[in-house]
Amino acid sequence: FLIIDSFFCGTVELRNYSDHEAWISGLYVDEYNRKHGIATVL
């Protein structure tokens, strides 16, 4: 799952593996939009 803020202020990637593990990587929030709760929403 690639999850993108609708105004492309940030993204995060989630992978559900078949061996029963979930991994998050690549959390990114544009520097101008940080500290506004976007990372938490993602």
Full PDB file with SEQRES, HELIX, SHEET, SSBOND, CRYST1, ORIGX, SCALE, CONECT and MASTER records, all heavy atoms in Angstrom:
SEQRES   1 A   42  PHE LEU ILE ILE ASP SER PHE PHE CYS GLY THR VAL GLU          
SEQRES   2 A   42  LEU ARG ASN TYR SER ASP HIS GLU ALA TRP ILE SER GLY          
SEQRES   3 A   42  LEU TYR VAL ASP GLU TYR ASN ARG LYS HIS GLY ILE ALA          
SEQRES   4 A   42  THR VAL LEU                                                  
HELIX    1 AA1 GLU A   31  ASN A   33  5                                   3    
HELIX    2 AA2 ILE A   38  VAL A   41  1                                   4    
SHEET    1 AA1 3 LEU A   2  ILE A   4  0                                        
SHEET    2 AA1 3 GLY A  10  TYR A  17 -1                                        
SHEET    3 AA1 3 GLU A  21  VAL A  29 -1                                        
CRYST1    1.000    1.000    1.000  90.00  90.00  90.00 P 1           1          
ORIGX1      1.000000  0.000000  0.000000        0.00000                         
ORIGX2      0.000000  1.000000  0.000000        0.00000                         
ORIGX3      0.000000  0.000000  1.000000        0.00000                         
SCALE1      1.000000  0.000000  0.000000        0.00000                         
SCALE2      0.000000  1.000000  0.000000        0.00000                         
SCALE3      0.000000  0.000000  1.000000        0.00000                         
ATOM      1  N   PHE A   1       0.860  -1.175   0.000  1.00  0.00           N  
ATOM      2  CA  PHE A   1       0.000   0.000   0.000  1.00  0.00           C  
ATOM      3  C   PHE A   1       0.900   1.230   0.000  1.00  0.00           C  
ATOM      4  O   PHE A   1       1.755   1.377   0.874  1.00  0.00           O  
ATOM      5  CB  PHE A   1      -0.887   0.037   1.243  1.00  0.00           C  
ATOM      6  CG  PHE A   1      -1.893  -1.063   1.304  1.00  0.00           C  
ATOM      7  CD1 PHE A   1      -1.576  -2.286   1.872  1.00  0.00           C  
ATOM      8  CD2 PHE A   1      -3.168  -0.879   0.785  1.00  0.00           C  
ATOM      9  CE1 PHE A   1      -2.503  -3.300   1.926  1.00  0.00           C  
ATOM     10  CE2 PHE A   1      -4.103  -1.890   0.842  1.00  0.00           C  
ATOM     11  CZ  PHE A   1      -3.772  -3.106   1.408  1.00  0.00           C  
ATOM     12  N   LEU A   2       0.721   2.085  -0.984  1.00  0.00           N  
ATOM     13  CA  LEU A   2       1.388   3.375  -0.991  1.00  0.00           C  
ATOM     14  C   LEU A   2       0.313   4.391  -0.612  1.00  0.00           C  
ATOM     15  O   LEU A   2      -0.707   4.512  -1.287  1.00  0.00           O  
ATOM     16  CB  LEU A   2       1.966   3.693  -2.367  1.00  0.00           C  
ATOM     17  CG  LEU A   2       2.709   5.025  -2.471  1.00  0.00           C  
ATOM     18  CD1 LEU A   2       3.889   5.067  -1.495  1.00  0.00           C  
ATOM     19  CD2 LEU A   2       3.183   5.257  -3.897  1.00  0.00           C  
ATOM     20  N   ILE A   3       0.534   5.076   0.492  1.00  0.00           N  
ATOM     21  CA  ILE A   3      -0.452   5.998   1.031  1.00  0.00           C  
ATOM     22  C   ILE A   3       0.093   7.407   0.849  1.00  0.00           C  
ATOM     23  O   ILE A   3       1.196   7.727   1.286  1.00  0.00           O  
ATOM     24  CB  ILE A   3      -0.736   5.671   2.509  1.00  0.00           C  
ATOM     25  CG1 ILE A   3      -1.238   4.222   2.599  1.00  0.00           C  
ATOM     26  CG2 ILE A   3      -1.730   6.651   3.097  1.00  0.00           C  
ATOM     27  CD1 ILE A   3      -1.172   3.639   3.973  1.00  0.00           C  
ATOM     28  N   ILE A   4      -0.681   8.220   0.158  1.00  0.00           N  
ATOM     29  CA  ILE A   4      -0.226   9.545  -0.231  1.00  0.00           C  
ATOM     30  C   ILE A   4      -1.201  10.594   0.294  1.00  0.00           C  
ATOM     31  O   ILE A   4      -2.412  10.448   0.126  1.00  0.00           O  
ATOM     32  CB  ILE A   4      -0.154   9.654  -1.769  1.00  0.00           C  
ATOM     33  CG1 ILE A   4       0.733   8.529  -2.337  1.00  0.00           C  
ATOM     34  CG2 ILE A   4       0.352  11.022  -2.202  1.00  0.00           C  
ATOM     35  CD1 ILE A   4       0.633   8.389  -3.841  1.00  0.00           C  
ATOM     36  N   ASP A   5      -0.663  11.632   0.914  1.00  0.00           N  
ATOM     37  CA  ASP A   5      -1.497  12.770   1.283  1.00  0.00           C  
ATOM     38  C   ASP A   5      -2.062  13.342  -0.008  1.00  0.00           C  
ATOM     39  O   ASP A   5      -1.369  13.452  -1.017  1.00  0.00           O  
ATOM     40  CB  ASP A   5      -0.648  13.810   2.012  1.00  0.00           C  
ATOM     41  CG  ASP A   5      -1.430  15.044   2.362  1.00  0.00           C  
ATOM     42  OD1 ASP A   5      -2.124  15.023   3.389  1.00  0.00           O  
ATOM     43  OD2 ASP A   5      -1.373  16.007   1.584  1.00  0.00           O  
ATOM     44  N   SER A   6      -3.312  13.685  -0.024  1.00  0.00           N  
ATOM     45  CA  SER A   6      -3.978  14.086  -1.262  1.00  0.00           C  
ATOM     46  C   SER A   6      -3.360  15.319  -1.921  1.00  0.00           C  
ATOM     47  O   SER A   6      -3.534  15.538  -3.115  1.00  0.00           O  
ATOM     48  CB  SER A   6      -5.466  14.330  -1.012  1.00  0.00           C  
ATOM     49  OG  SER A   6      -5.628  15.393  -0.113  1.00  0.00           O  
ATOM     50  N   PHE A   7      -2.624  16.102  -1.172  1.00  0.00           N  
ATOM     51  CA  PHE A   7      -1.937  17.253  -1.748  1.00  0.00           C  
ATOM     52  C   PHE A   7      -0.450  16.964  -1.908  1.00  0.00           C  
ATOM     53  O   PHE A   7       0.349  17.857  -2.085  1.00  0.00           O  
ATOM     54  CB  PHE A   7      -2.154  18.496  -0.885  1.00  0.00           C  
ATOM     55  CG  PHE A   7      -3.581  18.955  -0.924  1.00  0.00           C  
ATOM     56  CD1 PHE A   7      -4.471  18.519   0.041  1.00  0.00           C  
ATOM     57  CD2 PHE A   7      -4.027  19.790  -1.928  1.00  0.00           C  
ATOM     58  CE1 PHE A   7      -5.795  18.931   0.005  1.00  0.00           C  
ATOM     59  CE2 PHE A   7      -5.348  20.202  -1.974  1.00  0.00           C  
ATOM     60  CZ  PHE A   7      -6.233  19.766  -1.007  1.00  0.00           C  
ATOM     61  N   PHE A   8      -0.092  15.676  -1.828  1.00  0.00           N  
ATOM     62  CA  PHE A   8       1.272  15.170  -1.950  1.00  0.00           C  
ATOM     63  C   PHE A   8       2.240  15.890  -1.020  1.00  0.00           C  
ATOM     64  O   PHE A   8       3.341  16.276  -1.372  1.00  0.00           O  
ATOM     65  CB  PHE A   8       1.778  15.215  -3.391  1.00  0.00           C  
ATOM     66  CG  PHE A   8       2.925  14.268  -3.587  1.00  0.00           C  
ATOM     67  CD1 PHE A   8       2.707  12.903  -3.589  1.00  0.00           C  
ATOM     68  CD2 PHE A   8       4.218  14.734  -3.725  1.00  0.00           C  
ATOM     69  CE1 PHE A   8       3.763  12.014  -3.735  1.00  0.00           C  
ATOM     70  CE2 PHE A   8       5.293  13.859  -3.881  1.00  0.00           C  
ATOM     71  CZ  PHE A   8       5.056  12.502  -3.895  1.00  0.00           C  
ATOM     72  N   CYS A   9       1.793  16.061   0.209  1.00  0.00           N  
ATOM     73  CA  CYS A   9       2.665  16.601   1.242  1.00  0.00           C  
ATOM     74  C   CYS A   9       3.474  15.495   1.891  1.00  0.00           C  
ATOM     75  O   CYS A   9       4.471  15.756   2.538  1.00  0.00           O  
ATOM     76  CB  CYS A   9       1.849  17.297   2.326  1.00  0.00           C  
ATOM     77  SG  CYS A   9       0.961  18.722   1.720  1.00  0.00           S  
ATOM     78  N   GLY A  10       3.021  14.243   1.718  1.00  0.00           N  
ATOM     79  CA  GLY A  10       3.724  13.142   2.346  1.00  0.00           C  
ATOM     80  C   GLY A  10       3.276  11.797   1.823  1.00  0.00           C  
ATOM     81  O   GLY A  10       2.226  11.679   1.196  1.00  0.00           O  
ATOM     82  N   THR A  11       4.105  10.794   2.103  1.00  0.00           N  
ATOM     83  CA  THR A  11       3.808   9.420   1.707  1.00  0.00           C  
ATOM     84  C   THR A  11       4.312   8.458   2.781  1.00  0.00           C  
ATOM     85  O   THR A  11       5.178   8.794   3.584  1.00  0.00           O  
ATOM     86  CB  THR A  11       4.500   9.029   0.376  1.00  0.00           C  
ATOM     87  OG1 THR A  11       5.914   9.095   0.557  1.00  0.00           O  
ATOM     88  CG2 THR A  11       4.086   9.930  -0.756  1.00  0.00           C  
ATOM     89  N   VAL A  12       3.761   7.252   2.751  1.00  0.00           N  
ATOM     90  CA  VAL A  12       4.263   6.158   3.565  1.00  0.00           C  
ATOM     91  C   VAL A  12       3.949   4.868   2.820  1.00  0.00           C  
ATOM     92  O   VAL A  12       2.978   4.795   2.070  1.00  0.00           O  
ATOM     93  CB  VAL A  12       3.655   6.145   4.994  1.00  0.00           C  
ATOM     94  CG1 VAL A  12       2.174   5.816   4.973  1.00  0.00           C  
ATOM     95  CG2 VAL A  12       4.419   5.204   5.909  1.00  0.00           C  
ATOM     96  N   GLU A  13       4.779   3.861   3.004  1.00  0.00           N  
ATOM     97  CA  GLU A  13       4.574   2.571   2.356  1.00  0.00           C  
ATOM     98  C   GLU A  13       4.356   1.496   3.418  1.00  0.00           C  
ATOM     99  O   GLU A  13       5.067   1.456   4.423  1.00  0.00           O  
ATOM    100  CB  GLU A  13       5.804   2.214   1.526  1.00  0.00           C  
ATOM    101  CG  GLU A  13       5.656   0.938   0.752  1.00  0.00           C  
ATOM    102  CD  GLU A  13       6.876   0.677  -0.120  1.00  0.00           C  
ATOM    103  OE1 GLU A  13       7.213   1.524  -0.962  1.00  0.00           O  
ATOM    104  OE2 GLU A  13       7.490  -0.391   0.067  1.00  0.00           O  
ATOM    105  N   LEU A  14       3.368   0.655   3.194  1.00  0.00           N  
ATOM    106  CA  LEU A  14       3.067  -0.475   4.078  1.00  0.00           C  
ATOM    107  C   LEU A  14       3.126  -1.748   3.260  1.00  0.00           C  
ATOM    108  O   LEU A  14       2.609  -1.795   2.144  1.00  0.00           O  
ATOM    109  CB  LEU A  14       1.663  -0.332   4.679  1.00  0.00           C  
ATOM    110  CG  LEU A  14       1.118  -1.584   5.372  1.00  0.00           C  
ATOM    111  CD1 LEU A  14       1.811  -1.803   6.710  1.00  0.00           C  
ATOM    112  CD2 LEU A  14      -0.377  -1.504   5.546  1.00  0.00           C  
ATOM    113  N   ARG A  15       3.734  -2.776   3.811  1.00  0.00           N  
ATOM    114  CA  ARG A  15       3.753  -4.089   3.168  1.00  0.00           C  
ATOM    115  C   ARG A  15       3.273  -5.146   4.156  1.00  0.00           C  
ATOM    116  O   ARG A  15       3.769  -5.229   5.268  1.00  0.00           O  
ATOM    117  CB  ARG A  15       5.154  -4.450   2.689  1.00  0.00           C  
ATOM    118  CG  ARG A  15       5.642  -3.539   1.588  1.00  0.00           C  
ATOM    119  CD  ARG A  15       7.033  -3.893   1.159  1.00  0.00           C  
ATOM    120  NE  ARG A  15       7.497  -2.924   0.182  1.00  0.00           N  
ATOM    121  CZ  ARG A  15       8.205  -3.238  -0.873  1.00  0.00           C  
ATOM    122  NH1 ARG A  15       8.545  -4.492  -1.097  1.00  0.00           N  
ATOM    123  NH2 ARG A  15       8.599  -2.310  -1.709  1.00  0.00           N  
ATOM    124  N   ASN A  16       2.276  -5.918   3.724  1.00  0.00           N  
ATOM    125  CA  ASN A  16       1.794  -7.064   4.484  1.00  0.00           C  
ATOM    126  C   ASN A  16       2.393  -8.315   3.835  1.00  0.00           C  
ATOM    127  O   ASN A  16       2.020  -8.670   2.722  1.00  0.00           O  
ATOM    128  CB  ASN A  16       0.267  -7.156   4.407  1.00  0.00           C  
ATOM    129  CG  ASN A  16      -0.418  -6.088   5.205  1.00  0.00           C  
ATOM    130  OD1 ASN A  16      -0.105  -5.874   6.361  1.00  0.00           O  
ATOM    131  ND2 ASN A  16      -1.374  -5.417   4.592  1.00  0.00           N  
ATOM    132  N   TYR A  17       3.313  -8.952   4.507  1.00  0.00           N  
ATOM    133  CA  TYR A  17       3.964 -10.137   3.947  1.00  0.00           C  
ATOM    134  C   TYR A  17       3.183 -11.394   4.289  1.00  0.00           C  
ATOM    135  O   TYR A  17       2.499 -11.470   5.308  1.00  0.00           O  
ATOM    136  CB  TYR A  17       5.403 -10.250   4.458  1.00  0.00           C  
ATOM    137  CG  TYR A  17       6.317  -9.237   3.816  1.00  0.00           C  
ATOM    138  CD1 TYR A  17       6.572  -8.016   4.426  1.00  0.00           C  
ATOM    139  CD2 TYR A  17       6.896  -9.489   2.583  1.00  0.00           C  
ATOM    140  CE1 TYR A  17       7.402  -7.082   3.836  1.00  0.00           C  
ATOM    141  CE2 TYR A  17       7.724  -8.559   1.976  1.00  0.00           C  
ATOM    142  CZ  TYR A  17       7.964  -7.362   2.605  1.00  0.00           C  
ATOM    143  OH  TYR A  17       8.769  -6.432   2.014  1.00  0.00           O  
ATOM    144  N   SER A  18       3.342 -12.407   3.431  1.00  0.00           N  
ATOM    145  CA  SER A  18       2.610 -13.660   3.613  1.00  0.00           C  
ATOM    146  C   SER A  18       3.072 -14.426   4.848  1.00  0.00           C  
ATOM    147  O   SER A  18       2.395 -15.344   5.281  1.00  0.00           O  
ATOM    148  CB  SER A  18       2.720 -14.534   2.360  1.00  0.00           C  
ATOM    149  OG  SER A  18       4.076 -14.765   2.047  1.00  0.00           O  
ATOM    150  N   ASP A  19       4.217 -14.060   5.413  1.00  0.00           N  
ATOM    151  CA  ASP A  19       4.674 -14.739   6.632  1.00  0.00           C  
ATOM    152  C   ASP A  19       4.181 -14.024   7.894  1.00  0.00           C  
ATOM    153  O   ASP A  19       4.794 -14.094   8.945  1.00  0.00           O  
ATOM    154  CB  ASP A  19       6.192 -14.896   6.633  1.00  0.00           C  
ATOM    155  CG  ASP A  19       6.933 -13.566   6.583  1.00  0.00           C  
ATOM    156  OD1 ASP A  19       6.272 -12.512   6.503  1.00  0.00           O  
ATOM    157  OD2 ASP A  19       8.170 -13.577   6.636  1.00  0.00           O  
ATOM    158  N   HIS A  20       3.061 -13.320   7.770  1.00  0.00           N  
ATOM    159  CA  HIS A  20       2.364 -12.695   8.893  1.00  0.00           C  
ATOM    160  C   HIS A  20       3.140 -11.540   9.528  1.00  0.00           C  
ATOM    161  O   HIS A  20       3.137 -11.376  10.751  1.00  0.00           O  
ATOM    162  CB  HIS A  20       1.991 -13.732   9.954  1.00  0.00           C  
ATOM    163  CG  HIS A  20       1.164 -14.838   9.398  1.00  0.00           C  
ATOM    164  ND1 HIS A  20      -0.168 -14.696   9.100  1.00  0.00           N  
ATOM    165  CD2 HIS A  20       1.496 -16.094   9.026  1.00  0.00           C  
ATOM    166  CE1 HIS A  20      -0.627 -15.825   8.601  1.00  0.00           C  
ATOM    167  NE2 HIS A  20       0.357 -16.682   8.532  1.00  0.00           N  
ATOM    168  N   GLU A  21       3.769 -10.734   8.688  1.00  0.00           N  
ATOM    169  CA  GLU A  21       4.451  -9.540   9.171  1.00  0.00           C  
ATOM    170  C   GLU A  21       3.978  -8.328   8.379  1.00  0.00           C  
ATOM    171  O   GLU A  21       3.742  -8.413   7.179  1.00  0.00           O  
ATOM    172  CB  GLU A  21       5.968  -9.655   9.018  1.00  0.00           C  
ATOM    173  CG  GLU A  21       6.598 -10.615   9.982  1.00  0.00           C  
ATOM    174  CD  GLU A  21       8.122 -10.538   9.932  1.00  0.00           C  
ATOM    175  OE1 GLU A  21       8.692 -10.196   8.896  1.00  0.00           O  
ATOM    176  OE2 GLU A  21       8.716 -10.832  10.977  1.00  0.00           O  
ATOM    177  N   ALA A  22       3.856  -7.210   9.071  1.00  0.00           N  
ATOM    178  CA  ALA A  22       3.530  -5.933   8.433  1.00  0.00           C  
ATOM    179  C   ALA A  22       4.702  -4.985   8.664  1.00  0.00           C  
ATOM    180  O   ALA A  22       5.195  -4.866   9.787  1.00  0.00           O  
ATOM    181  CB  ALA A  22       2.255  -5.348   9.016  1.00  0.00           C  
ATOM    182  N   TRP A  23       5.126  -4.336   7.584  1.00  0.00           N  
ATOM    183  CA  TRP A  23       6.272  -3.435   7.638  1.00  0.00           C  
ATOM    184  C   TRP A  23       5.909  -2.071   7.065  1.00  0.00           C  
ATOM    185  O   TRP A  23       5.276  -1.982   6.023  1.00  0.00           O  
ATOM    186  CB  TRP A  23       7.438  -3.996   6.829  1.00  0.00           C  
ATOM    187  CG  TRP A  23       8.131  -5.121   7.526  1.00  0.00           C  
ATOM    188  CD1 TRP A  23       7.736  -6.436   7.521  1.00  0.00           C  
ATOM    189  CD2 TRP A  23       9.297  -5.050   8.323  1.00  0.00           C  
ATOM    190  NE1 TRP A  23       8.603  -7.174   8.280  1.00  0.00           N  
ATOM    191  CE2 TRP A  23       9.578  -6.355   8.779  1.00  0.00           C  
ATOM    192  CE3 TRP A  23      10.139  -4.014   8.699  1.00  0.00           C  
ATOM    193  CZ2 TRP A  23      10.665  -6.636   9.593  1.00  0.00           C  
ATOM    194  CZ3 TRP A  23      11.220  -4.299   9.503  1.00  0.00           C  
ATOM    195  CH2 TRP A  23      11.484  -5.589   9.947  1.00  0.00           C  
ATOM    196  N   ILE A  24       6.360  -1.029   7.735  1.00  0.00           N  
ATOM    197  CA  ILE A  24       6.225   0.341   7.245  1.00  0.00           C  
ATOM    198  C   ILE A  24       7.615   0.836   6.872  1.00  0.00           C  
ATOM    199  O   ILE A  24       8.586   0.594   7.600  1.00  0.00           O  
ATOM    200  CB  ILE A  24       5.608   1.260   8.317  1.00  0.00           C  
ATOM    201  CG1 ILE A  24       4.113   0.970   8.462  1.00  0.00           C  
ATOM    202  CG2 ILE A  24       5.853   2.723   7.998  1.00  0.00           C  
ATOM    203  CD1 ILE A  24       3.424   1.780   9.526  1.00  0.00           C  
ATOM    204  N   SER A  25       7.682   1.537   5.742  1.00  0.00           N  
ATOM    205  CA  SER A  25       8.942   2.173   5.342  1.00  0.00           C  
ATOM    206  C   SER A  25       8.622   3.421   4.537  1.00  0.00           C  
ATOM    207  O   SER A  25       7.495   3.630   4.098  1.00  0.00           O  
ATOM    208  CB  SER A  25       9.807   1.218   4.519  1.00  0.00           C  
ATOM    209  OG  SER A  25       9.155   0.891   3.307  1.00  0.00           O  
ATOM    210  N   GLY A  26       9.624   4.233   4.342  1.00  0.00           N  
ATOM    211  CA  GLY A  26       9.504   5.371   3.456  1.00  0.00           C  
ATOM    212  C   GLY A  26       8.558   6.468   3.896  1.00  0.00           C  
ATOM    213  O   GLY A  26       7.983   7.146   3.063  1.00  0.00           O  
ATOM    214  N   LEU A  27       8.395   6.668   5.201  1.00  0.00           N  
ATOM    215  CA  LEU A  27       7.564   7.789   5.648  1.00  0.00           C  
ATOM    216  C   LEU A  27       8.253   9.087   5.257  1.00  0.00           C  
ATOM    217  O   LEU A  27       9.438   9.299   5.541  1.00  0.00           O  
ATOM    218  CB  LEU A  27       7.367   7.740   7.167  1.00  0.00           C  
ATOM    219  CG  LEU A  27       6.601   8.914   7.778  1.00  0.00           C  
ATOM    220  CD1 LEU A  27       5.157   8.941   7.278  1.00  0.00           C  
ATOM    221  CD2 LEU A  27       6.633   8.830   9.292  1.00  0.00           C  
ATOM    222  N   TYR A  28       7.518   9.942   4.573  1.00  0.00           N  
ATOM    223  CA  TYR A  28       8.076  11.230   4.141  1.00  0.00           C  
ATOM    224  C   TYR A  28       6.988  12.289   4.225  1.00  0.00           C  
ATOM    225  O   TYR A  28       5.865  12.076   3.775  1.00  0.00           O  
ATOM    226  CB  TYR A  28       8.586  11.147   2.694  1.00  0.00           C  
ATOM    227  CG  TYR A  28       8.968  12.502   2.151  1.00  0.00           C  
ATOM    228  CD1 TYR A  28      10.177  13.088   2.505  1.00  0.00           C  
ATOM    229  CD2 TYR A  28       8.103  13.215   1.340  1.00  0.00           C  
ATOM    230  CE1 TYR A  28      10.521  14.359   2.050  1.00  0.00           C  
ATOM    231  CE2 TYR A  28       8.434  14.484   0.872  1.00  0.00           C  
ATOM    232  CZ  TYR A  28       9.646  15.040   1.221  1.00  0.00           C  
ATOM    233  OH  TYR A  28       9.973  16.291   0.773  1.00  0.00           O  
ATOM    234  N   VAL A  29       7.340  13.426   4.803  1.00  0.00           N  
ATOM    235  CA  VAL A  29       6.465  14.597   4.797  1.00  0.00           C  
ATOM    236  C   VAL A  29       7.315  15.769   4.322  1.00  0.00           C  
ATOM    237  O   VAL A  29       8.427  15.997   4.826  1.00  0.00           O  
ATOM    238  CB  VAL A  29       5.869  14.890   6.191  1.00  0.00           C  
ATOM    239  CG1 VAL A  29       5.074  16.186   6.180  1.00  0.00           C  
ATOM    240  CG2 VAL A  29       4.991  13.735   6.647  1.00  0.00           C  
ATOM    241  N   ASP A  30       6.805  16.509   3.348  1.00  0.00           N  
ATOM    242  CA  ASP A  30       7.490  17.678   2.819  1.00  0.00           C  
ATOM    243  C   ASP A  30       7.882  18.604   3.961  1.00  0.00           C  
ATOM    244  O   ASP A  30       7.101  18.836   4.886  1.00  0.00           O  
ATOM    245  CB  ASP A  30       6.551  18.390   1.839  1.00  0.00           C  
ATOM    246  CG  ASP A  30       7.176  19.625   1.258  1.00  0.00           C  
ATOM    247  OD1 ASP A  30       7.984  19.469   0.324  1.00  0.00           O  
ATOM    248  OD2 ASP A  30       6.843  20.716   1.734  1.00  0.00           O  
ATOM    249  N   GLU A  31       9.089  19.130   3.902  1.00  0.00           N  
ATOM    250  CA  GLU A  31       9.620  19.941   5.001  1.00  0.00           C  
ATOM    251  C   GLU A  31       8.700  21.108   5.372  1.00  0.00           C  
ATOM    252  O   GLU A  31       8.491  21.405   6.543  1.00  0.00           O  
ATOM    253  CB  GLU A  31      11.002  20.481   4.610  1.00  0.00           C  
ATOM    254  CG  GLU A  31      11.703  21.199   5.730  1.00  0.00           C  
ATOM    255  CD  GLU A  31      13.125  21.590   5.380  1.00  0.00           C  
ATOM    256  OE1 GLU A  31      13.692  21.050   4.419  1.00  0.00           O  
ATOM    257  OE2 GLU A  31      13.654  22.464   6.087  1.00  0.00           O  
ATOM    258  N   TYR A  32       8.098  21.742   4.397  1.00  0.00           N  
ATOM    259  CA  TYR A  32       7.208  22.881   4.647  1.00  0.00           C  
ATOM    260  C   TYR A  32       5.956  22.468   5.430  1.00  0.00           C  
ATOM    261  O   TYR A  32       5.393  23.270   6.167  1.00  0.00           O  
ATOM    262  CB  TYR A  32       6.798  23.508   3.305  1.00  0.00           C  
ATOM    263  CG  TYR A  32       5.839  24.654   3.438  1.00  0.00           C  
ATOM    264  CD1 TYR A  32       6.278  25.912   3.850  1.00  0.00           C  
ATOM    265  CD2 TYR A  32       4.486  24.483   3.164  1.00  0.00           C  
ATOM    266  CE1 TYR A  32       5.398  26.972   3.976  1.00  0.00           C  
ATOM    267  CE2 TYR A  32       3.599  25.543   3.292  1.00  0.00           C  
ATOM    268  CZ  TYR A  32       4.055  26.777   3.695  1.00  0.00           C  
ATOM    269  OH  TYR A  32       3.185  27.819   3.829  1.00  0.00           O  
ATOM    270  N   ASN A  33       5.543  21.211   5.291  1.00  0.00           N  
ATOM    271  CA  ASN A  33       4.301  20.745   5.911  1.00  0.00           C  
ATOM    272  C   ASN A  33       4.513  19.929   7.185  1.00  0.00           C  
ATOM    273  O   ASN A  33       3.570  19.347   7.709  1.00  0.00           O  
ATOM    274  CB  ASN A  33       3.518  19.923   4.892  1.00  0.00           C  
ATOM    275  CG  ASN A  33       2.994  20.797   3.784  1.00  0.00           C  
ATOM    276  OD1 ASN A  33       2.125  21.627   4.001  1.00  0.00           O  
ATOM    277  ND2 ASN A  33       3.549  20.637   2.594  1.00  0.00           N  
ATOM    278  N   ARG A  34       5.708  19.866   7.679  1.00  0.00           N  
ATOM    279  CA  ARG A  34       5.977  19.098   8.905  1.00  0.00           C  
ATOM    280  C   ARG A  34       5.394  19.804  10.125  1.00  0.00           C  
ATOM    281  O   ARG A  34       5.139  20.996  10.119  1.00  0.00           O  
ATOM    282  CB  ARG A  34       7.484  18.884   9.068  1.00  0.00           C  
ATOM    283  CG  ARG A  34       8.021  17.964   7.991  1.00  0.00           C  
ATOM    284  CD  ARG A  34       9.492  17.719   8.120  1.00  0.00           C  
ATOM    285  NE  ARG A  34       9.923  16.937   6.952  1.00  0.00           N  
ATOM    286  CZ  ARG A  34      11.158  16.863   6.543  1.00  0.00           C  
ATOM    287  NH1 ARG A  34      12.114  17.473   7.203  1.00  0.00           N  
ATOM    288  NH2 ARG A  34      11.448  16.149   5.478  1.00  0.00           N  
ATOM    289  N   LYS A  35       5.190  19.011  11.157  1.00  0.00           N  
ATOM    290  CA  LYS A  35       4.652  19.487  12.440  1.00  0.00           C  
ATOM    291  C   LYS A  35       3.205  19.952  12.328  1.00  0.00           C  
ATOM    292  O   LYS A  35       2.763  20.835  13.057  1.00  0.00           O  
ATOM    293  CB  LYS A  35       5.545  20.562  13.044  1.00  0.00           C  
ATOM    294  CG  LYS A  35       6.948  20.050  13.308  1.00  0.00           C  
ATOM    295  CD  LYS A  35       7.722  20.934  14.198  1.00  0.00           C  
ATOM    296  CE  LYS A  35       9.093  20.302  14.384  1.00  0.00           C  
ATOM    297  NZ  LYS A  35       9.781  20.731  15.526  1.00  0.00           N  
ATOM    298  N   HIS A  36       2.468  19.336  11.399  1.00  0.00           N  
ATOM    299  CA  HIS A  36       1.043  19.623  11.241  1.00  0.00           C  
ATOM    300  C   HIS A  36       0.208  18.349  11.373  1.00  0.00           C  
ATOM    301  O   HIS A  36      -0.965  18.351  11.033  1.00  0.00           O  
ATOM    302  CB  HIS A  36       0.765  20.272   9.877  1.00  0.00           C  
ATOM    303  CG  HIS A  36       1.400  21.611   9.714  1.00  0.00           C  
ATOM    304  ND1 HIS A  36       0.949  22.754  10.357  1.00  0.00           N  
ATOM    305  CD2 HIS A  36       2.474  21.996   8.995  1.00  0.00           C  
ATOM    306  CE1 HIS A  36       1.719  23.771  10.028  1.00  0.00           C  
ATOM    307  NE2 HIS A  36       2.651  23.341   9.210  1.00  0.00           N  
ATOM    308  N   GLY A  37       0.824  17.263  11.817  1.00  0.00           N  
ATOM    309  CA  GLY A  37       0.090  16.018  12.024  1.00  0.00           C  
ATOM    310  C   GLY A  37      -0.071  15.142  10.800  1.00  0.00           C  
ATOM    311  O   GLY A  37      -0.752  14.117  10.860  1.00  0.00           O  
ATOM    312  N   ILE A  38       0.567  15.500   9.690  1.00  0.00           N  
ATOM    313  CA  ILE A  38       0.410  14.714   8.462  1.00  0.00           C  
ATOM    314  C   ILE A  38       1.018  13.329   8.617  1.00  0.00           C  
ATOM    315  O   ILE A  38       0.425  12.334   8.189  1.00  0.00           O  
ATOM    316  CB  ILE A  38       1.008  15.472   7.258  1.00  0.00           C  
ATOM    317  CG1 ILE A  38       0.190  16.743   6.997  1.00  0.00           C  
ATOM    318  CG2 ILE A  38       1.053  14.590   6.010  1.00  0.00           C  
ATOM    319  CD1 ILE A  38       0.806  17.702   6.013  1.00  0.00           C  
ATOM    320  N   ALA A  39       2.180  13.224   9.240  1.00  0.00           N  
ATOM    321  CA  ALA A  39       2.809  11.913   9.438  1.00  0.00           C  
ATOM    322  C   ALA A  39       1.907  11.010  10.277  1.00  0.00           C  
ATOM    323  O   ALA A  39       1.755   9.818   9.978  1.00  0.00           O  
ATOM    324  CB  ALA A  39       4.172  12.067  10.106  1.00  0.00           C  
ATOM    325  N   THR A  40       1.287  11.547  11.286  1.00  0.00           N  
ATOM    326  CA  THR A  40       0.378  10.763  12.125  1.00  0.00           C  
ATOM    327  C   THR A  40      -0.821  10.279  11.321  1.00  0.00           C  
ATOM    328  O   THR A  40      -1.235   9.118  11.437  1.00  0.00           O  
ATOM    329  CB  THR A  40      -0.071  11.595  13.339  1.00  0.00           C  
ATOM    330  OG1 THR A  40       1.096  11.954  14.100  1.00  0.00           O  
ATOM    331  CG2 THR A  40      -1.031  10.813  14.217  1.00  0.00           C  
ATOM    332  N   VAL A  41      -1.374  11.148  10.473  1.00  0.00           N  
ATOM    333  CA  VAL A  41      -2.502  10.750   9.625  1.00  0.00           C  
ATOM    334  C   VAL A  41      -2.086   9.621   8.683  1.00  0.00           C  
ATOM    335  O   VAL A  41      -2.804   8.630   8.527  1.00  0.00           O  
ATOM    336  CB  VAL A  41      -3.038  11.965   8.827  1.00  0.00           C  
ATOM    337  CG1 VAL A  41      -4.005  11.531   7.742  1.00  0.00           C  
ATOM    338  CG2 VAL A  41      -3.702  12.957   9.767  1.00  0.00           C  
ATOM    339  N   LEU A  42      -0.907   9.747   8.077  1.00  0.00           N  
ATOM    340  CA  LEU A  42      -0.427   8.716   7.156  1.00  0.00           C  
ATOM    341  C   LEU A  42      -0.226   7.382   7.876  1.00  0.00           C  
ATOM    342  O   LEU A  42      -0.600   6.328   7.368  1.00  0.00           O  
ATOM    343  CB  LEU A  42       0.872   9.168   6.486  1.00  0.00           C  
ATOM    344  CG  LEU A  42       0.742  10.328   5.491  1.00  0.00           C  
ATOM    345  CD1 LEU A  42       2.117  10.861   5.115  1.00  0.00           C  
ATOM    346  CD2 LEU A  42      -0.025   9.902   4.259  1.00  0.00           C  
TER     347      LEU A  42                                                      
MASTER        0    0    0    2    3    0    0    6  346    1    0    4          
END                                                                             
